[in-house]
Amino acid sequence: ILVMYLGSYKRIFLILLAVWFTINLIQALFTEILGDEAYYKLYSEYLDWGYFDHPPMVALMIRASSFVFSGNLGVRFITVLLQLGTLALIWMTLEKKEPDSRNVFTFFIISGSISMFSGYGVIATPDAPLLFFTALFLFTYKNFIGSQKWFLTLLLSVAMAGLVYSKYQAALVIGFAVLSNPNLLRNMRFWFAGILALAILSFHFYWQFSYDFPSFQYHLVYRLENFKLKHVIEYL
């Protein structure tokens, strides 16, 4: 009955997206700010091209949120918006032979059942932009393979730069994409996208160089001092 009333699957997708946005907005407004978010909020008060343990995207997100709202939404509003973009990009990337309303409901049920994914639509952490730019990268990469237009080349470079500016795990997303398709290394436009992404990232690289690469020392040296095998098992 609901499907008949709402009409086409596109309308249903937009309605469910609006419901998702409303729920996340309410949670963002009434859930207490976490310690990590307060830490990143401090980042946003002192904008720079890098920080001790993370790239600057999360700080920029929170600063942008503070221009629109105060309080909790002044920290989380852009996070809520980014997940809408993430959901839309994943949906557009999916292979759908004959999309219908059942596909849409299944998509949102699966998305909502992944607790960490839902959480990153509310909590302001570097993982929120990492998810968004991963979705943008995969969507653009899929279309780039089929049609290597200059617009897609430029968008691919923006996605790669955005990934790295979000979180250093970006290297896994980009690296495995290349590893799964080595022919990319013979594609001049992919090289152009990569070089342009490096140019966009040059500000962050210069910041790392100026401060003796603090992020790399922290993640690759200091964090290994308390390494325990049980932490690996917990992740599994």
Protein backbone atom coordinates (compact mmCIF):
# COMPACT_ATOMS: atom_id res chain seq x y z
CA ILE A 1 0.00 0.00 0.00
CA LEU A 2 2.84 2.37 0.91
CA VAL A 3 4.63 1.66 -2.39
CA MET A 4 1.43 2.26 -4.38
CA TYR A 5 0.86 5.56 -2.60
CA LEU A 6 4.40 6.88 -2.92
CA GLY A 7 4.78 6.04 -6.59
CA SER A 8 8.09 5.56 -8.40
CA TYR A 9 11.22 4.23 -6.74
CA LYS A 10 12.96 7.60 -7.18
CA ARG A 11 10.32 9.32 -5.09
CA ILE A 12 10.58 6.60 -2.45
CA PHE A 13 14.38 6.99 -2.39
CA LEU A 14 14.09 10.75 -1.80
CA ILE A 15 11.45 10.28 0.92
CA LEU A 16 13.55 7.68 2.76
CA LEU A 17 16.60 9.89 2.38
CA ALA A 18 14.65 12.75 3.97
CA VAL A 19 13.57 10.45 6.82
CA TRP A 20 17.19 9.35 7.31
CA PHE A 21 18.29 13.00 7.39
CA THR A 22 15.62 13.92 9.94
CA ILE A 23 16.53 11.03 12.27
CA ASN A 24 20.25 11.85 12.08
CA LEU A 25 19.55 15.54 12.64
CA ILE A 26 17.57 14.77 15.81
CA GLN A 27 20.30 12.45 17.08
CA ALA A 28 22.99 15.03 16.27
CA LEU A 29 21.04 17.68 18.18
CA PHE A 30 20.29 15.70 21.35
CA THR A 31 23.22 13.29 21.68
CA GLU A 32 25.99 14.54 23.95
CA ILE A 33 29.22 15.58 22.25
CA LEU A 34 31.87 12.86 22.56
CA GLY A 35 35.45 13.39 23.70
CA ASP A 36 36.87 12.89 20.21
CA GLU A 37 34.44 15.45 18.79
CA ALA A 38 35.53 18.00 21.38
CA TYR A 39 39.11 17.29 20.36
CA TYR A 40 38.28 17.89 16.68
CA LYS A 41 36.30 20.98 17.62
CA LEU A 42 39.54 22.35 19.03
CA TYR A 43 41.13 21.63 15.65
CA SER A 44 38.50 23.79 13.98
CA GLU A 45 39.38 26.72 16.22
CA TYR A 46 42.93 26.65 14.83
CA LEU A 47 42.63 25.79 11.14
CA ASP A 48 45.80 24.47 9.57
CA TRP A 49 46.88 22.15 6.74
CA GLY A 50 47.44 19.26 9.13
CA TYR A 51 47.29 18.10 12.75
CA PHE A 52 49.16 15.71 15.01
CA ASP A 53 47.17 12.57 14.18
CA HIS A 54 44.80 13.49 11.32
CA PRO A 55 44.58 15.52 8.11
CA PRO A 56 42.53 18.74 8.25
CA MET A 57 39.18 17.76 6.66
CA VAL A 58 37.39 17.09 9.96
CA ALA A 59 38.43 20.51 11.25
CA LEU A 60 37.14 22.18 8.10
CA MET A 61 33.81 20.31 8.43
CA ILE A 62 33.29 21.48 12.00
CA ARG A 63 34.27 25.05 11.17
CA ALA A 64 31.74 25.05 8.32
CA SER A 65 29.07 23.63 10.67
CA SER A 66 29.77 26.42 13.19
CA PHE A 67 29.01 29.06 10.54
CA VAL A 68 25.44 27.73 10.29
CA PHE A 69 24.64 26.52 13.82
CA SER A 70 25.89 26.70 17.39
CA GLY A 71 25.95 23.95 20.00
CA ASN A 72 25.85 20.31 18.91
CA LEU A 73 24.80 21.05 15.33
CA GLY A 74 27.63 23.56 15.17
CA VAL A 75 29.90 20.51 15.36
CA ARG A 76 27.88 17.86 13.50
CA PHE A 77 25.74 19.49 10.80
CA ILE A 78 28.13 18.91 7.86
CA THR A 79 28.56 15.30 9.02
CA VAL A 80 24.80 14.79 8.69
CA LEU A 81 24.82 16.30 5.19
CA LEU A 82 27.81 14.25 4.07
CA GLN A 83 26.06 10.97 4.79
CA LEU A 84 23.20 11.95 2.50
CA GLY A 85 25.76 12.39 -0.26
CA THR A 86 27.39 9.08 0.66
CA LEU A 87 24.09 7.21 0.44
CA ALA A 88 23.20 8.84 -2.88
CA LEU A 89 26.61 8.07 -4.40
CA ILE A 90 26.53 4.42 -3.28
CA TRP A 91 23.02 4.05 -4.73
CA MET A 92 24.14 5.55 -8.06
CA THR A 93 27.19 3.26 -8.14
CA LEU A 94 25.18 0.06 -7.66
CA GLU A 95 24.41 -2.18 -10.63
CA LYS A 96 20.61 -2.21 -10.88
CA LYS A 97 19.06 -4.00 -13.85
CA GLU A 98 15.49 -2.95 -13.09
CA PRO A 99 15.44 -0.67 -10.04
CA ASP A 100 12.16 -0.65 -8.16
CA SER A 101 10.78 0.22 -4.75
CA ARG A 102 11.92 -3.10 -3.24
CA ASN A 103 15.53 -2.30 -4.18
CA VAL A 104 15.22 1.04 -2.39
CA PHE A 105 13.81 -0.41 0.82
CA THR A 106 16.43 -3.18 0.82
CA PHE A 107 19.18 -0.59 0.30
CA PHE A 108 18.08 1.51 3.28
CA ILE A 109 17.51 -1.52 5.51
CA ILE A 110 21.05 -2.75 4.83
CA SER A 111 22.51 0.74 5.32
CA GLY A 112 20.63 1.19 8.59
CA SER A 113 21.68 -2.22 9.88
CA ILE A 114 25.38 -1.28 9.83
CA SER A 115 25.74 0.47 13.17
CA MET A 116 29.08 2.14 12.54
CA PHE A 117 27.92 3.46 9.16
CA SER A 118 24.82 4.95 10.77
CA GLY A 119 26.93 6.38 13.59
CA TYR A 120 29.20 8.22 11.20
CA GLY A 121 26.16 10.08 9.92
CA VAL A 122 25.88 11.77 13.31
CA ILE A 123 29.28 11.84 15.00
CA ALA A 124 31.80 14.35 13.66
CA THR A 125 34.93 12.29 13.03
CA PRO A 126 37.36 11.94 10.09
CA ASP A 127 35.51 8.74 9.13
CA ALA A 128 32.49 10.70 7.86
CA PRO A 129 34.37 12.48 5.03
CA LEU A 130 36.41 9.30 4.45
CA LEU A 131 33.16 7.43 3.69
CA PHE A 132 31.88 10.27 1.50
CA PHE A 133 35.04 10.59 -0.59
CA THR A 134 35.32 6.79 -0.85
CA ALA A 135 31.81 6.72 -2.31
CA LEU A 136 32.68 9.62 -4.62
CA PHE A 137 35.89 7.89 -5.70
CA LEU A 138 34.14 4.58 -6.49
CA PHE A 139 31.29 6.31 -8.32
CA THR A 140 33.70 8.40 -10.39
CA TYR A 141 36.09 5.50 -10.98
CA LYS A 142 33.27 3.32 -12.30
CA ASN A 143 32.23 6.02 -14.79
CA PHE A 144 35.85 6.88 -15.61
CA ILE A 145 36.49 3.29 -16.74
CA GLY A 146 33.57 3.49 -19.13
CA SER A 147 34.10 7.04 -20.40
CA GLN A 148 37.35 8.88 -19.74
CA LYS A 149 36.00 12.39 -20.03
CA TRP A 150 38.03 15.28 -18.68
CA PHE A 151 35.29 16.13 -16.19
CA LEU A 152 35.53 12.63 -14.70
CA THR A 153 39.33 12.88 -14.66
CA LEU A 154 39.15 16.11 -12.65
CA LEU A 155 36.48 14.67 -10.33
CA LEU A 156 38.65 11.59 -9.76
CA SER A 157 41.55 13.79 -8.67
CA VAL A 158 39.28 15.73 -6.29
CA ALA A 159 38.00 12.44 -4.83
CA MET A 160 41.54 11.12 -4.26
CA ALA A 161 42.70 14.38 -2.68
CA GLY A 162 39.56 14.52 -0.52
CA LEU A 163 40.21 10.96 0.64
CA VAL A 164 43.73 11.76 1.82
CA TYR A 165 42.64 15.07 3.40
CA SER A 166 40.05 13.05 5.35
CA LYS A 167 42.09 10.14 6.73
CA TYR A 168 45.31 8.33 5.86
CA GLN A 169 43.43 5.05 5.30
CA ALA A 170 42.70 6.62 1.91
CA ALA A 171 45.89 4.90 0.72
CA LEU A 172 44.09 1.54 1.03
CA VAL A 173 41.13 2.65 -1.11
CA ILE A 174 43.26 4.11 -3.89
CA GLY A 175 45.96 1.43 -3.64
CA PHE A 176 43.56 -1.51 -3.89
CA ALA A 177 41.76 0.14 -6.82
CA VAL A 178 45.04 0.30 -8.73
CA LEU A 179 46.04 -3.20 -7.58
CA SER A 180 42.75 -4.62 -8.87
CA ASN A 181 43.21 -2.93 -12.26
CA PRO A 182 46.93 -2.50 -13.16
CA ASN A 183 45.92 -1.19 -16.60
CA LEU A 184 45.27 2.12 -14.88
CA LEU A 185 49.04 2.62 -14.76
CA ARG A 186 49.03 2.75 -18.56
CA ASN A 187 46.23 5.31 -18.66
CA MET A 188 47.56 8.86 -19.15
CA ARG A 189 44.39 10.48 -17.84
CA PHE A 190 44.60 8.46 -14.64
CA TRP A 191 48.19 9.66 -14.24
CA PHE A 192 46.97 13.23 -14.80
CA ALA A 193 44.31 12.74 -12.11
CA GLY A 194 46.93 11.38 -9.73
CA ILE A 195 49.38 14.22 -10.36
CA LEU A 196 46.64 16.82 -9.93
CA ALA A 197 45.59 15.14 -6.66
CA LEU A 198 49.19 15.35 -5.44
CA ALA A 199 49.25 19.03 -6.36
CA ILE A 200 46.10 19.61 -4.29
CA LEU A 201 47.71 17.67 -1.43
CA SER A 202 50.99 19.58 -1.63
CA PHE A 203 49.86 21.97 1.12
CA HIS A 204 49.45 19.08 3.53
CA PHE A 205 52.74 17.49 2.48
CA TYR A 206 54.52 20.80 3.07
CA TRP A 207 52.92 21.03 6.53
CA GLN A 208 54.16 17.51 7.34
CA PHE A 209 57.65 18.41 6.13
CA SER A 210 57.70 21.66 8.12
CA TYR A 211 56.89 19.86 11.38
CA ASP A 212 59.09 16.79 10.79
CA PHE A 213 56.22 14.49 9.74
CA PRO A 214 54.46 14.26 13.15
CA SER A 215 51.47 12.27 11.85
CA PHE A 216 53.66 9.58 10.32
CA GLN A 217 55.75 9.31 13.46
CA TYR A 218 52.62 8.98 15.58
CA HIS A 219 50.87 6.35 13.47
CA LEU A 220 53.90 4.32 12.37
CA VAL A 221 56.13 4.54 15.46
CA TYR A 222 54.52 5.74 18.68
CA ARG A 223 51.27 3.79 18.32
CA LEU A 224 53.18 0.53 17.88
CA GLU A 225 54.75 0.77 21.31
CA ASN A 226 51.63 -0.64 23.00
CA PHE A 227 50.80 -3.15 20.26
CA LYS A 228 48.91 -6.21 21.48
CA LEU A 229 47.66 -9.11 19.39
CA LYS A 230 44.29 -9.07 21.15
CA HIS A 231 43.48 -5.73 19.50
CA VAL A 232 43.84 -7.35 16.08
CA ILE A 233 41.53 -10.18 17.14
CA GLU A 234 38.96 -7.66 18.35
CA TYR A 235 38.88 -6.06 14.90
CA LEU A 236 38.29 -9.46 13.29
